[in-house]
Amino acid sequence: MAGEKRGEGFHSAAGLIRYFDQEDEKAPKIPPWLVVALGAVIGVAVIIAGWQWPV
């Protein structure tokens, strides 16, 4: 039984590799530093909101 399921992982992963290998040229390109900066800004905004409006 274990021998039958041996090859399943590669075949199922092959479709995902092919799917993620293609990049869409129309997709917006977001630099990683922008994601980190937005996370920091949102975090600071939440902390300030907690000070302004305590529960």
PDB file of N, CA and C in Angstrom:
ATOM      1  N   MET A   1       0.821  -1.188   0.000  1.00  0.00           N
ATOM      2  CA  MET A   1       0.000   0.000   0.000  1.00  0.00           C
ATOM      3  C   MET A   1       0.870   1.258   0.000  1.00  0.00           C
ATOM      4  N   ALA A   2       1.949   1.240   0.771  1.00  0.00           N
ATOM      5  CA  ALA A   2       2.826   2.403   0.798  1.00  0.00           C
ATOM      6  C   ALA A   2       3.518   2.591  -0.545  1.00  0.00           C
ATOM      7  N   GLY A   3       3.759   1.534  -1.260  1.00  0.00           N
ATOM      8  CA  GLY A   3       4.419   1.638  -2.549  1.00  0.00           C
ATOM      9  C   GLY A   3       3.536   2.284  -3.600  1.00  0.00           C
ATOM     10  N   GLU A   4       2.231   2.141  -3.459  1.00  0.00           N
ATOM     11  CA  GLU A   4       1.307   2.727  -4.430  1.00  0.00           C
ATOM     12  C   GLU A   4       1.259   4.256  -4.309  1.00  0.00           C
ATOM     13  N   LYS A   5       1.378   4.790  -3.124  1.00  0.00           N
ATOM     14  CA  LYS A   5       1.262   6.237  -2.913  1.00  0.00           C
ATOM     15  C   LYS A   5       2.589   6.952  -3.074  1.00  0.00           C
ATOM     16  N   ARG A   6       3.617   6.269  -3.427  1.00  0.00           N
ATOM     17  CA  ARG A   6       4.942   6.865  -3.505  1.00  0.00           C
ATOM     18  C   ARG A   6       5.046   7.964  -4.554  1.00  0.00           C
ATOM     19  N   GLY A   7       4.463   7.791  -5.719  1.00  0.00           N
ATOM     20  CA  GLY A   7       4.631   8.741  -6.801  1.00  0.00           C
ATOM     21  C   GLY A   7       3.606   9.866  -6.829  1.00  0.00           C
ATOM     22  N   GLU A   8       2.662   9.877  -5.915  1.00  0.00           N
ATOM     23  CA  GLU A   8       1.601  10.882  -5.958  1.00  0.00           C
ATOM     24  C   GLU A   8       2.101  12.290  -5.673  1.00  0.00           C
ATOM     25  N   GLY A   9       3.049  12.434  -4.790  1.00  0.00           N
ATOM     26  CA  GLY A   9       3.511  13.761  -4.390  1.00  0.00           C
ATOM     27  C   GLY A   9       4.105  14.543  -5.543  1.00  0.00           C
ATOM     28  N   PHE A  10       4.895  13.887  -6.359  1.00  0.00           N
ATOM     29  CA  PHE A  10       5.544  14.582  -7.458  1.00  0.00           C
ATOM     30  C   PHE A  10       4.539  15.031  -8.507  1.00  0.00           C
ATOM     31  N   HIS A  11       3.590  14.184  -8.826  1.00  0.00           N
ATOM     32  CA  HIS A  11       2.610  14.544  -9.858  1.00  0.00           C
ATOM     33  C   HIS A  11       1.709  15.683  -9.402  1.00  0.00           C
ATOM     34  N   SER A  12       1.305  15.670  -8.146  1.00  0.00           N
ATOM     35  CA  SER A  12       0.435  16.745  -7.675  1.00  0.00           C
ATOM     36  C   SER A  12       1.216  18.044  -7.514  1.00  0.00           C
ATOM     37  N   ALA A  13       2.478  17.966  -7.149  1.00  0.00           N
ATOM     38  CA  ALA A  13       3.294  19.168  -6.994  1.00  0.00           C
ATOM     39  C   ALA A  13       3.696  19.747  -8.344  1.00  0.00           C
ATOM     40  N   ALA A  14       3.740  18.925  -9.373  1.00  0.00           N
ATOM     41  CA  ALA A  14       4.171  19.409 -10.686  1.00  0.00           C
ATOM     42  C   ALA A  14       3.210  20.476 -11.210  1.00  0.00           C
ATOM     43  N   GLY A  15       1.942  20.333 -10.973  1.00  0.00           N
ATOM     44  CA  GLY A  15       0.975  21.330 -11.423  1.00  0.00           C
ATOM     45  C   GLY A  15       1.145  22.650 -10.679  1.00  0.00           C
ATOM     46  N   LEU A  16       1.436  22.570  -9.381  1.00  0.00           N
ATOM     47  CA  LEU A  16       1.637  23.796  -8.609  1.00  0.00           C
ATOM     48  C   LEU A  16       2.906  24.509  -9.044  1.00  0.00           C
ATOM     49  N   ILE A  17       3.946  23.744  -9.313  1.00  0.00           N
ATOM     50  CA  ILE A  17       5.195  24.356  -9.763  1.00  0.00           C
ATOM     51  C   ILE A  17       4.969  25.063 -11.091  1.00  0.00           C
ATOM     52  N   ARG A  18       4.260  24.440 -11.976  1.00  0.00           N
ATOM     53  CA  ARG A  18       3.985  25.048 -13.275  1.00  0.00           C
ATOM     54  C   ARG A  18       3.110  26.284 -13.110  1.00  0.00           C
ATOM     55  N   TYR A  19       2.142  26.241 -12.175  1.00  0.00           N
ATOM     56  CA  TYR A  19       1.240  27.367 -11.959  1.00  0.00           C
ATOM     57  C   TYR A  19       2.007  28.566 -11.393  1.00  0.00           C
ATOM     58  N   PHE A  20       2.852  28.337 -10.395  1.00  0.00           N
ATOM     59  CA  PHE A  20       3.566  29.431  -9.758  1.00  0.00           C
ATOM     60  C   PHE A  20       4.786  29.870 -10.561  1.00  0.00           C
ATOM     61  N   ASP A  21       5.195  29.094 -11.523  1.00  0.00           N
ATOM     62  CA  ASP A  21       6.350  29.444 -12.342  1.00  0.00           C
ATOM     63  C   ASP A  21       6.004  30.563 -13.321  1.00  0.00           C
ATOM     64  N   GLN A  22       4.758  30.670 -13.705  1.00  0.00           N
ATOM     65  CA  GLN A  22       4.354  31.692 -14.663  1.00  0.00           C
ATOM     66  C   GLN A  22       4.020  32.981 -13.914  1.00  0.00           C
ATOM     67  N   GLU A  23       4.651  34.056 -14.310  1.00  0.00           N
ATOM     68  CA  GLU A  23       4.350  35.355 -13.702  1.00  0.00           C
ATOM     69  C   GLU A  23       3.485  36.161 -14.653  1.00  0.00           C
ATOM     70  N   ASP A  24       2.530  36.843 -14.101  1.00  0.00           N
ATOM     71  CA  ASP A  24       1.656  37.683 -14.895  1.00  0.00           C
ATOM     72  C   ASP A  24       2.303  39.062 -15.019  1.00  0.00           C
ATOM     73  N   GLU A  25       2.488  39.516 -16.228  1.00  0.00           N
ATOM     74  CA  GLU A  25       3.123  40.817 -16.450  1.00  0.00           C
ATOM     75  C   GLU A  25       2.219  41.971 -16.036  1.00  0.00           C
ATOM     76  N   LYS A  26       0.916  41.745 -15.975  1.00  0.00           N
ATOM     77  CA  LYS A  26      -0.025  42.801 -15.616  1.00  0.00           C
ATOM     78  C   LYS A  26      -0.178  42.952 -14.108  1.00  0.00           C
ATOM     79  N   ALA A  27       0.332  41.987 -13.345  1.00  0.00           N
ATOM     80  CA  ALA A  27       0.176  42.025 -11.894  1.00  0.00           C
ATOM     81  C   ALA A  27       1.018  43.154 -11.305  1.00  0.00           C
ATOM     82  N   PRO A  28       0.499  43.825 -10.290  1.00  0.00           N
ATOM     83  CA  PRO A  28       1.291  44.897  -9.669  1.00  0.00           C
ATOM     84  C   PRO A  28       2.495  44.320  -8.937  1.00  0.00           C
ATOM     85  N   LYS A  29       3.605  44.986  -9.049  1.00  0.00           N
ATOM     86  CA  LYS A  29       4.831  44.565  -8.374  1.00  0.00           C
ATOM     87  C   LYS A  29       4.975  45.375  -7.091  1.00  0.00           C
ATOM     88  N   ILE A  30       4.936  44.715  -5.953  1.00  0.00           N
ATOM     89  CA  ILE A  30       5.034  45.374  -4.655  1.00  0.00           C
ATOM     90  C   ILE A  30       6.376  44.986  -4.047  1.00  0.00           C
ATOM     91  N   PRO A  31       7.228  45.965  -3.794  1.00  0.00           N
ATOM     92  CA  PRO A  31       8.523  45.644  -3.187  1.00  0.00           C
ATOM     93  C   PRO A  31       8.352  45.188  -1.738  1.00  0.00           C
ATOM     94  N   PRO A  32       9.213  44.284  -1.277  1.00  0.00           N
ATOM     95  CA  PRO A  32       9.081  43.771   0.101  1.00  0.00           C
ATOM     96  C   PRO A  32       9.189  44.858   1.167  1.00  0.00           C
ATOM     97  N   TRP A  33      10.006  45.881   0.939  1.00  0.00           N
ATOM     98  CA  TRP A  33      10.154  46.931   1.953  1.00  0.00           C
ATOM     99  C   TRP A  33       8.851  47.689   2.147  1.00  0.00           C
ATOM    100  N   LEU A  34       8.033  47.786   1.103  1.00  0.00           N
ATOM    101  CA  LEU A  34       6.755  48.475   1.220  1.00  0.00           C
ATOM    102  C   LEU A  34       5.797  47.688   2.110  1.00  0.00           C
ATOM    103  N   VAL A  35       5.808  46.382   1.990  1.00  0.00           N
ATOM    104  CA  VAL A  35       4.950  45.539   2.830  1.00  0.00           C
ATOM    105  C   VAL A  35       5.358  45.681   4.294  1.00  0.00           C
ATOM    106  N   VAL A  36       6.657  45.674   4.566  1.00  0.00           N
ATOM    107  CA  VAL A  36       7.141  45.832   5.947  1.00  0.00           C
ATOM    108  C   VAL A  36       6.787  47.219   6.478  1.00  0.00           C
ATOM    109  N   ALA A  37       6.974  48.248   5.660  1.00  0.00           N
ATOM    110  CA  ALA A  37       6.670  49.608   6.091  1.00  0.00           C
ATOM    111  C   ALA A  37       5.180  49.775   6.381  1.00  0.00           C
ATOM    112  N   LEU A  38       4.335  49.229   5.534  1.00  0.00           N
ATOM    113  CA  LEU A  38       2.888  49.335   5.774  1.00  0.00           C
ATOM    114  C   LEU A  38       2.494  48.589   7.044  1.00  0.00           C
ATOM    115  N   GLY A  39       3.108  47.446   7.287  1.00  0.00           N
ATOM    116  CA  GLY A  39       2.839  46.713   8.525  1.00  0.00           C
ATOM    117  C   GLY A  39       3.234  47.511   9.751  1.00  0.00           C
ATOM    118  N   ALA A  40       4.390  48.189   9.681  1.00  0.00           N
ATOM    119  CA  ALA A  40       4.844  49.013  10.805  1.00  0.00           C
ATOM    120  C   ALA A  40       3.911  50.192  11.026  1.00  0.00           C
ATOM    121  N   VAL A  41       3.490  50.838   9.959  1.00  0.00           N
ATOM    122  CA  VAL A  41       2.581  51.989  10.071  1.00  0.00           C
ATOM    123  C   VAL A  41       1.240  51.557  10.651  1.00  0.00           C
ATOM    124  N   ILE A  42       0.723  50.448  10.211  1.00  0.00           N
ATOM    125  CA  ILE A  42      -0.556  49.961  10.743  1.00  0.00           C
ATOM    126  C   ILE A  42      -0.410  49.581  12.211  1.00  0.00           C
ATOM    127  N   GLY A  43       0.719  48.973  12.570  1.00  0.00           N
ATOM    128  CA  GLY A  43       0.960  48.625  13.964  1.00  0.00           C
ATOM    129  C   GLY A  43       1.013  49.845  14.858  1.00  0.00           C
ATOM    130  N   VAL A  44       1.706  50.883  14.417  1.00  0.00           N
ATOM    131  CA  VAL A  44       1.779  52.130  15.185  1.00  0.00           C
ATOM    132  C   VAL A  44       0.393  52.767  15.282  1.00  0.00           C
ATOM    133  N   ALA A  45      -0.374  52.734  14.219  1.00  0.00           N
ATOM    134  CA  ALA A  45      -1.725  53.311  14.237  1.00  0.00           C
ATOM    135  C   ALA A  45      -2.615  52.571  15.240  1.00  0.00           C
ATOM    136  N   VAL A  46      -2.476  51.266  15.333  1.00  0.00           N
ATOM    137  CA  VAL A  46      -3.284  50.491  16.287  1.00  0.00           C
ATOM    138  C   VAL A  46      -2.881  50.838  17.722  1.00  0.00           C
ATOM    139  N   ILE A  47      -1.579  50.971  17.960  1.00  0.00           N
ATOM    140  CA  ILE A  47      -1.112  51.327  19.305  1.00  0.00           C
ATOM    141  C   ILE A  47      -1.615  52.726  19.695  1.00  0.00           C
ATOM    142  N   ILE A  48      -1.521  53.678  18.791  1.00  0.00           N
ATOM    143  CA  ILE A  48      -2.003  55.040  19.073  1.00  0.00           C
ATOM    144  C   ILE A  48      -3.516  55.034  19.303  1.00  0.00           C
ATOM    145  N   ALA A  49      -4.247  54.259  18.509  1.00  0.00           N
ATOM    146  CA  ALA A  49      -5.696  54.175  18.708  1.00  0.00           C
ATOM    147  C   ALA A  49      -6.037  53.570  20.054  1.00  0.00           C
ATOM    148  N   GLY A  50      -5.220  52.617  20.522  1.00  0.00           N
ATOM    149  CA  GLY A  50      -5.444  52.049  21.845  1.00  0.00           C
ATOM    150  C   GLY A  50      -5.214  53.039  22.955  1.00  0.00           C
ATOM    151  N   TRP A  51      -4.273  53.951  22.786  1.00  0.00           N
ATOM    152  CA  TRP A  51      -4.036  55.007  23.779  1.00  0.00           C
ATOM    153  C   TRP A  51      -5.149  56.053  23.738  1.00  0.00           C
ATOM    154  N   GLN A  52      -5.631  56.365  22.562  1.00  0.00           N
ATOM    155  CA  GLN A  52      -6.666  57.397  22.418  1.00  0.00           C
ATOM    156  C   GLN A  52      -8.028  56.935  22.933  1.00  0.00           C
ATOM    157  N   TRP A  53      -8.364  55.694  22.627  1.00  0.00           N
ATOM    158  CA  TRP A  53      -9.681  55.158  22.977  1.00  0.00           C
ATOM    159  C   TRP A  53      -9.524  53.862  23.783  1.00  0.00           C
ATOM    160  N   PRO A  54      -9.161  53.978  25.049  1.00  0.00           N
ATOM    161  CA  PRO A  54      -9.010  52.751  25.862  1.00  0.00           C
ATOM    162  C   PRO A  54     -10.368  52.072  26.098  1.00  0.00           C
ATOM    163  N   VAL A  55     -10.314  50.785  26.204  1.00  0.00           N
ATOM    164  CA  VAL A  55     -11.562  50.016  26.377  1.00  0.00           C
ATOM    165  C   VAL A  55     -11.846  49.794  27.824  1.00  0.00           C
TER     166      VAL A  55
END
